[in-house]
Amino acid sequence: MATAWPGVVRSSNMAGPSKLAKRRTCSRACFVRATPRSAGALRELSMNDEYGTSEQMIMAFDGFPRDTVKFLCDLKNNNNKKWFDEHRATYEAAIKVPAKTFSEAMERDLEKLTGTAHNVKIFRINRDVRFSKDKTPYNTHVHVSFAPDVEASVTPVWSFGLAPKYLTLGVGIMGFEKRELEAYRKRVDSPAGATLAKHIAALPKLGARLGGEPELKRVPKEFPVDHPREALLRRKSLTVWMEIDELALANRPQLIKGCTTRYKKLMPIFEWLSELCA
């Protein structure tokens, strides 16, 4: 089974695009001014019609609050509904609101980087415990994914993860559907497969790594057992991960730029998989 995050088993709802929280645009004229609420808050006034205006808050991302990691640590030690309900206001301020602001800012940078708008998915704090021996009700991390807003049913997805002990970025497909798996194997067997192998070989110098081990013990029967890229042929998913050693970066506005710089290094993998799914 492919792993979606370090130490987290992939669930079925982690693949593919989700609903996009699209940014609203002004129909006529936009005016932006600072508001007293915070230095990072901007108010956009949109002249929707000749009879009045509508207001929309656009928050500049200033970094996750320091309370974010503290809340996640406390939640790990008090993973129960009673404690969570008593600290719901802290969850809203330290997790939910900054995660939304981060995801909106990050999506804009990814659109500039790739030339494609992305669907944003902020994973729920509630765990799906139906098929898990661990019945603790809440996740103790912040996970966000960004899937290209294209017609393909399966696409490579950008990932972001923040937890008390890690800050992780990734890109890839966490589980090929049947059609994409067949196309992937054919492509690995072609000259394009050699290109992918070169991209993967370059990952350590970029501070990145290939995610997980091949899911199959043997090479699919239609390929020779001594195939030069047999390890890639034994995969049913392909993800690449990059850890950010400086966890404190999450608390600064520079987190967006730091993520974008690192995502750019992973663009060859994203482009290879995008061509596969086109």
Protein backbone atom coordinates (compact mmCIF):
# COMPACT_ATOMS: atom_id res chain seq x y z
CA MET A 1 0.00 0.00 0.00
CA ALA A 2 1.33 3.41 -0.91
CA THR A 3 1.95 5.87 1.87
CA ALA A 4 0.51 9.31 1.48
CA TRP A 5 2.56 11.02 4.18
CA PRO A 6 5.53 9.93 6.31
CA GLY A 7 4.02 7.53 8.83
CA VAL A 8 0.47 7.95 7.54
CA VAL A 9 -1.26 5.20 5.53
CA ARG A 10 -2.99 6.35 2.40
CA SER A 11 -6.76 6.36 2.50
CA SER A 12 -9.04 6.23 -0.52
CA ASN A 13 -10.01 9.87 -0.26
CA MET A 14 -6.45 11.06 -0.70
CA ALA A 15 -6.26 10.53 -4.45
CA GLY A 16 -7.63 12.76 -7.13
CA PRO A 17 -8.95 16.30 -7.14
CA SER A 18 -11.40 17.72 -4.69
CA LYS A 19 -13.71 20.68 -4.82
CA LEU A 20 -11.91 23.92 -5.52
CA ALA A 21 -12.44 26.86 -3.24
CA LYS A 22 -12.15 29.39 -6.02
CA ARG A 23 -11.15 32.98 -5.39
CA ARG A 24 -13.86 35.45 -6.35
CA THR A 25 -12.88 38.18 -8.77
CA CYS A 26 -14.20 41.71 -8.99
CA SER A 27 -16.73 42.34 -11.71
CA ARG A 28 -15.93 46.03 -12.15
CA ALA A 29 -13.42 47.67 -9.87
CA CYS A 30 -11.48 46.53 -6.83
CA PHE A 31 -10.18 48.65 -4.01
CA VAL A 32 -7.73 47.23 -1.47
CA ARG A 33 -6.95 48.79 1.87
CA ALA A 34 -5.52 47.64 5.17
CA THR A 35 -7.97 46.99 7.97
CA PRO A 36 -7.41 47.43 11.69
CA ARG A 37 -8.03 43.72 12.25
CA SER A 38 -4.40 42.82 11.53
CA ALA A 39 -1.46 44.05 9.52
CA GLY A 40 -1.90 41.13 7.14
CA ALA A 41 -5.59 41.62 6.49
CA LEU A 42 -6.76 43.27 3.30
CA ARG A 43 -10.31 44.19 2.47
CA GLU A 44 -11.40 43.93 -1.15
CA LEU A 45 -14.39 46.07 -2.09
CA SER A 46 -16.04 44.82 -5.23
CA MET A 47 -18.40 47.07 -7.18
CA ASN A 48 -20.84 44.35 -8.16
CA ASP A 49 -23.56 46.64 -9.45
CA GLU A 50 -24.59 50.24 -9.60
CA TYR A 51 -26.69 49.90 -6.47
CA GLY A 52 -24.09 48.87 -3.94
CA THR A 53 -20.92 47.03 -2.99
CA SER A 54 -19.99 43.70 -1.50
CA GLU A 55 -17.04 43.03 0.77
CA GLN A 56 -14.69 40.08 0.82
CA MET A 57 -11.81 39.54 3.22
CA ILE A 58 -8.53 38.58 1.57
CA MET A 59 -5.99 37.60 4.22
CA ALA A 60 -2.29 37.85 3.47
CA PHE A 61 -0.47 34.76 4.75
CA ASP A 62 1.85 35.73 7.58
CA GLY A 63 2.85 32.20 8.57
CA PHE A 64 1.18 29.66 10.80
CA PRO A 65 0.87 30.92 14.39
CA ARG A 66 3.25 29.47 16.95
CA ASP A 67 0.14 28.08 18.61
CA THR A 68 -0.31 25.73 15.64
CA VAL A 69 2.37 23.24 16.65
CA LYS A 70 1.55 23.69 20.33
CA PHE A 71 -2.10 22.84 19.65
CA LEU A 72 -1.10 19.74 17.66
CA CYS A 73 1.19 18.60 20.49
CA ASP A 74 -1.53 19.16 23.08
CA LEU A 75 -4.04 17.34 20.88
CA LYS A 76 -1.72 14.36 20.62
CA ASN A 77 -1.69 14.14 24.41
CA ASN A 78 -5.44 14.75 24.73
CA ASN A 79 -6.91 13.08 21.67
CA ASN A 80 -10.54 12.95 22.73
CA LYS A 81 -13.73 14.82 21.88
CA LYS A 82 -14.18 16.45 25.28
CA TRP A 83 -10.76 18.12 25.17
CA PHE A 84 -11.17 19.11 21.53
CA ASP A 85 -14.57 20.70 22.12
CA GLU A 86 -13.12 22.69 25.01
CA HIS A 87 -10.32 23.97 22.75
CA ARG A 88 -12.27 24.38 19.53
CA ALA A 89 -11.67 28.14 19.46
CA THR A 90 -7.91 27.51 19.53
CA TYR A 91 -8.31 24.99 16.70
CA GLU A 92 -10.16 27.58 14.61
CA ALA A 93 -7.52 30.28 15.20
CA ALA A 94 -4.38 28.13 15.09
CA ILE A 95 -5.28 25.50 12.48
CA LYS A 96 -8.42 26.05 10.41
CA VAL A 97 -8.10 29.74 9.50
CA PRO A 98 -4.32 29.82 8.78
CA ALA A 99 -4.54 26.56 6.81
CA LYS A 100 -7.15 28.13 4.54
CA THR A 101 -5.11 31.32 4.13
CA PHE A 102 -1.97 29.29 3.40
CA SER A 103 -3.73 27.09 0.85
CA GLU A 104 -5.13 30.08 -1.05
CA ALA A 105 -1.72 31.78 -1.22
CA MET A 106 0.04 28.53 -2.14
CA GLU A 107 -2.47 27.78 -4.90
CA ARG A 108 -1.72 31.14 -6.50
CA ASP A 109 2.01 30.38 -6.56
CA LEU A 110 1.43 26.87 -7.93
CA GLU A 111 -0.71 28.30 -10.71
CA LYS A 112 2.14 30.64 -11.64
CA LEU A 113 4.64 27.78 -11.46
CA THR A 114 2.68 25.28 -13.53
CA GLY A 115 0.41 27.49 -15.63
CA THR A 116 -2.61 25.60 -14.29
CA ALA A 117 -5.16 26.42 -11.59
CA HIS A 118 -5.37 23.86 -8.80
CA ASN A 119 -8.11 22.33 -6.68
CA VAL A 120 -7.34 22.74 -2.99
CA LYS A 121 -8.12 20.09 -0.40
CA ILE A 122 -7.52 20.73 3.30
CA PHE A 123 -7.76 17.37 5.01
CA ARG A 124 -10.19 17.16 7.90
CA ILE A 125 -9.01 17.14 11.49
CA ASN A 126 -11.39 14.21 12.11
CA ARG A 127 -9.90 10.79 11.42
CA ASP A 128 -11.70 8.03 9.55
CA VAL A 129 -11.44 5.28 12.17
CA ARG A 130 -13.82 2.76 10.57
CA PHE A 131 -11.08 0.39 9.43
CA SER A 132 -8.33 1.38 11.84
CA LYS A 133 -7.23 -0.22 15.09
CA ASP A 134 -6.30 3.27 16.27
CA LYS A 135 -9.61 4.81 17.34
CA THR A 136 -8.29 8.23 18.38
CA PRO A 137 -10.71 10.68 16.75
CA TYR A 138 -8.41 13.46 15.52
CA ASN A 139 -5.42 13.89 13.24
CA THR A 140 -2.44 15.60 14.82
CA HIS A 141 -1.14 17.22 11.65
CA VAL A 142 -2.11 19.74 8.98
CA HIS A 143 -2.26 18.25 5.48
CA VAL A 144 -3.16 20.08 2.28
CA SER A 145 -3.17 18.84 -1.32
CA PHE A 146 -3.28 20.74 -4.60
CA ALA A 147 -4.56 18.91 -7.68
CA PRO A 148 -4.42 20.45 -11.17
CA ASP A 149 -7.85 21.60 -12.33
CA VAL A 150 -7.88 19.52 -15.52
CA GLU A 151 -10.24 16.98 -17.10
CA ALA A 152 -8.05 13.94 -16.37
CA SER A 153 -9.51 11.59 -13.76
CA VAL A 154 -6.08 11.03 -12.19
CA THR A 155 -3.42 13.72 -11.87
CA PRO A 156 -0.20 14.26 -9.96
CA VAL A 157 -0.97 16.05 -6.71
CA TRP A 158 1.18 18.50 -4.74
CA SER A 159 1.21 17.82 -1.00
CA PHE A 160 2.00 19.83 2.13
CA GLY A 161 2.25 18.43 5.64
CA LEU A 162 2.90 20.14 8.97
CA ALA A 163 3.19 18.26 12.26
CA PRO A 164 5.02 18.83 15.56
CA LYS A 165 8.12 17.06 14.25
CA TYR A 166 8.04 17.51 10.49
CA LEU A 167 7.37 19.90 7.63
CA THR A 168 7.02 17.90 4.42
CA LEU A 169 6.34 18.63 0.76
CA GLY A 170 5.58 16.14 -1.96
CA VAL A 171 4.29 15.51 -5.43
CA GLY A 172 3.03 12.43 -7.20
CA ILE A 173 0.22 9.97 -7.71
CA MET A 174 -0.58 7.94 -4.61
CA GLY A 175 -2.36 5.18 -6.47
CA PHE A 176 -2.69 4.62 -10.22
CA GLU A 177 -6.09 3.67 -11.58
CA LYS A 178 -6.10 0.67 -13.94
CA ARG A 179 -5.84 2.73 -17.14
CA GLU A 180 -3.10 4.97 -15.77
CA LEU A 181 -1.20 1.99 -14.36
CA GLU A 182 -1.09 0.34 -17.78
CA ALA A 183 0.02 3.62 -19.37
CA TYR A 184 2.64 4.10 -16.65
CA ARG A 185 4.18 0.69 -17.25
CA LYS A 186 4.30 1.20 -21.01
CA ARG A 187 5.94 4.58 -20.50
CA VAL A 188 8.49 3.20 -18.04
CA ASP A 189 9.34 0.59 -20.68
CA SER A 190 9.90 3.32 -23.29
CA PRO A 191 12.70 5.93 -23.62
CA ALA A 192 10.57 8.17 -21.39
CA GLY A 193 11.21 5.64 -18.62
CA ALA A 194 14.93 6.31 -18.84
CA THR A 195 14.17 10.02 -18.42
CA LEU A 196 12.13 9.28 -15.29
CA ALA A 197 14.96 7.15 -13.91
CA LYS A 198 17.36 10.09 -14.37
CA HIS A 199 14.98 12.43 -12.56
CA ILE A 200 14.73 9.97 -9.68
CA ALA A 201 18.50 9.48 -9.53
CA ALA A 202 18.89 13.25 -9.14
CA LEU A 203 16.51 13.48 -6.16
CA PRO A 204 19.08 13.05 -3.35
CA LYS A 205 21.06 16.06 -4.59
CA LEU A 206 17.84 18.08 -4.44
CA GLY A 207 17.16 16.98 -0.86
CA ALA A 208 14.28 14.77 -1.99
CA ARG A 209 13.52 11.06 -2.00
CA LEU A 210 11.26 8.54 -3.68
CA GLY A 211 8.31 7.59 -1.49
CA GLY A 212 7.91 4.07 -0.17
CA GLU A 213 8.91 0.72 -1.63
CA PRO A 214 7.50 -0.93 -4.79
CA GLU A 215 4.13 -2.50 -4.07
CA LEU A 216 4.81 -5.63 -6.15
CA LYS A 217 7.40 -8.27 -5.32
CA ARG A 218 7.77 -9.31 -8.95
CA VAL A 219 7.93 -7.50 -12.28
CA PRO A 220 4.60 -7.71 -14.19
CA LYS A 221 4.65 -10.82 -16.39
CA GLU A 222 4.64 -8.89 -19.67
CA PHE A 223 8.12 -7.48 -18.90
CA PRO A 224 11.46 -9.29 -18.52
CA VAL A 225 12.54 -9.92 -14.93
CA ASP A 226 15.91 -8.29 -15.66
CA HIS A 227 14.36 -5.10 -17.04
CA PRO A 228 16.71 -2.12 -16.41
CA ARG A 229 13.86 -0.30 -14.65
CA GLU A 230 12.30 -3.30 -12.92
CA ALA A 231 11.90 -1.44 -9.61
CA LEU A 232 9.79 1.23 -11.31
CA LEU A 233 7.71 -1.43 -13.06
CA ARG A 234 6.89 -2.97 -9.68
CA ARG A 235 5.30 0.27 -8.50
CA LYS A 236 1.57 1.00 -8.42
CA SER A 237 2.14 4.57 -7.28
CA LEU A 238 4.85 7.19 -7.64
CA THR A 239 5.45 9.91 -5.07
CA VAL A 240 8.42 12.09 -4.22
CA TRP A 241 8.96 13.74 -0.84
CA MET A 242 11.09 16.55 0.50
CA GLU A 243 11.52 17.39 4.18
CA ILE A 244 12.16 20.96 5.32
CA ASP A 245 14.60 20.81 8.22
CA GLU A 246 13.76 24.28 9.47
CA LEU A 247 10.38 23.70 11.11
CA ALA A 248 10.26 27.34 12.22
CA LEU A 249 9.81 28.35 8.57
CA ALA A 250 6.15 27.42 9.02
CA ASN A 251 5.74 30.43 11.32
CA ARG A 252 6.95 32.98 8.77
CA PRO A 253 5.47 34.57 5.62
CA GLN A 254 8.47 33.15 3.73
CA LEU A 255 6.89 29.69 3.96
CA ILE A 256 5.10 30.27 0.65
CA LYS A 257 8.31 31.20 -1.16
CA GLY A 258 10.17 28.34 0.52
CA CYS A 259 7.56 25.83 -0.63
CA THR A 260 7.46 27.24 -4.16
CA THR A 261 11.25 27.07 -4.47
CA ARG A 262 11.22 23.43 -3.44
CA TYR A 263 8.20 22.52 -5.56
CA LYS A 264 10.05 23.97 -8.55
CA LYS A 265 12.80 21.39 -8.01
CA LEU A 266 10.16 18.66 -8.26
CA MET A 267 8.67 19.98 -11.50
CA PRO A 268 10.37 17.30 -13.69
CA ILE A 269 8.45 14.59 -11.79
CA PHE A 270 5.22 16.60 -11.97
CA GLU A 271 5.62 17.15 -15.72
CA TRP A 272 6.46 13.49 -16.41
CA LEU A 273 3.35 12.33 -14.56
CA SER A 274 1.21 15.05 -16.13
CA GLU A 275 2.18 13.85 -19.61
CA LEU A 276 1.27 10.33 -18.55
CA CYS A 277 -2.22 11.41 -17.47
CA ALA A 278 -2.93 13.78 -20.37
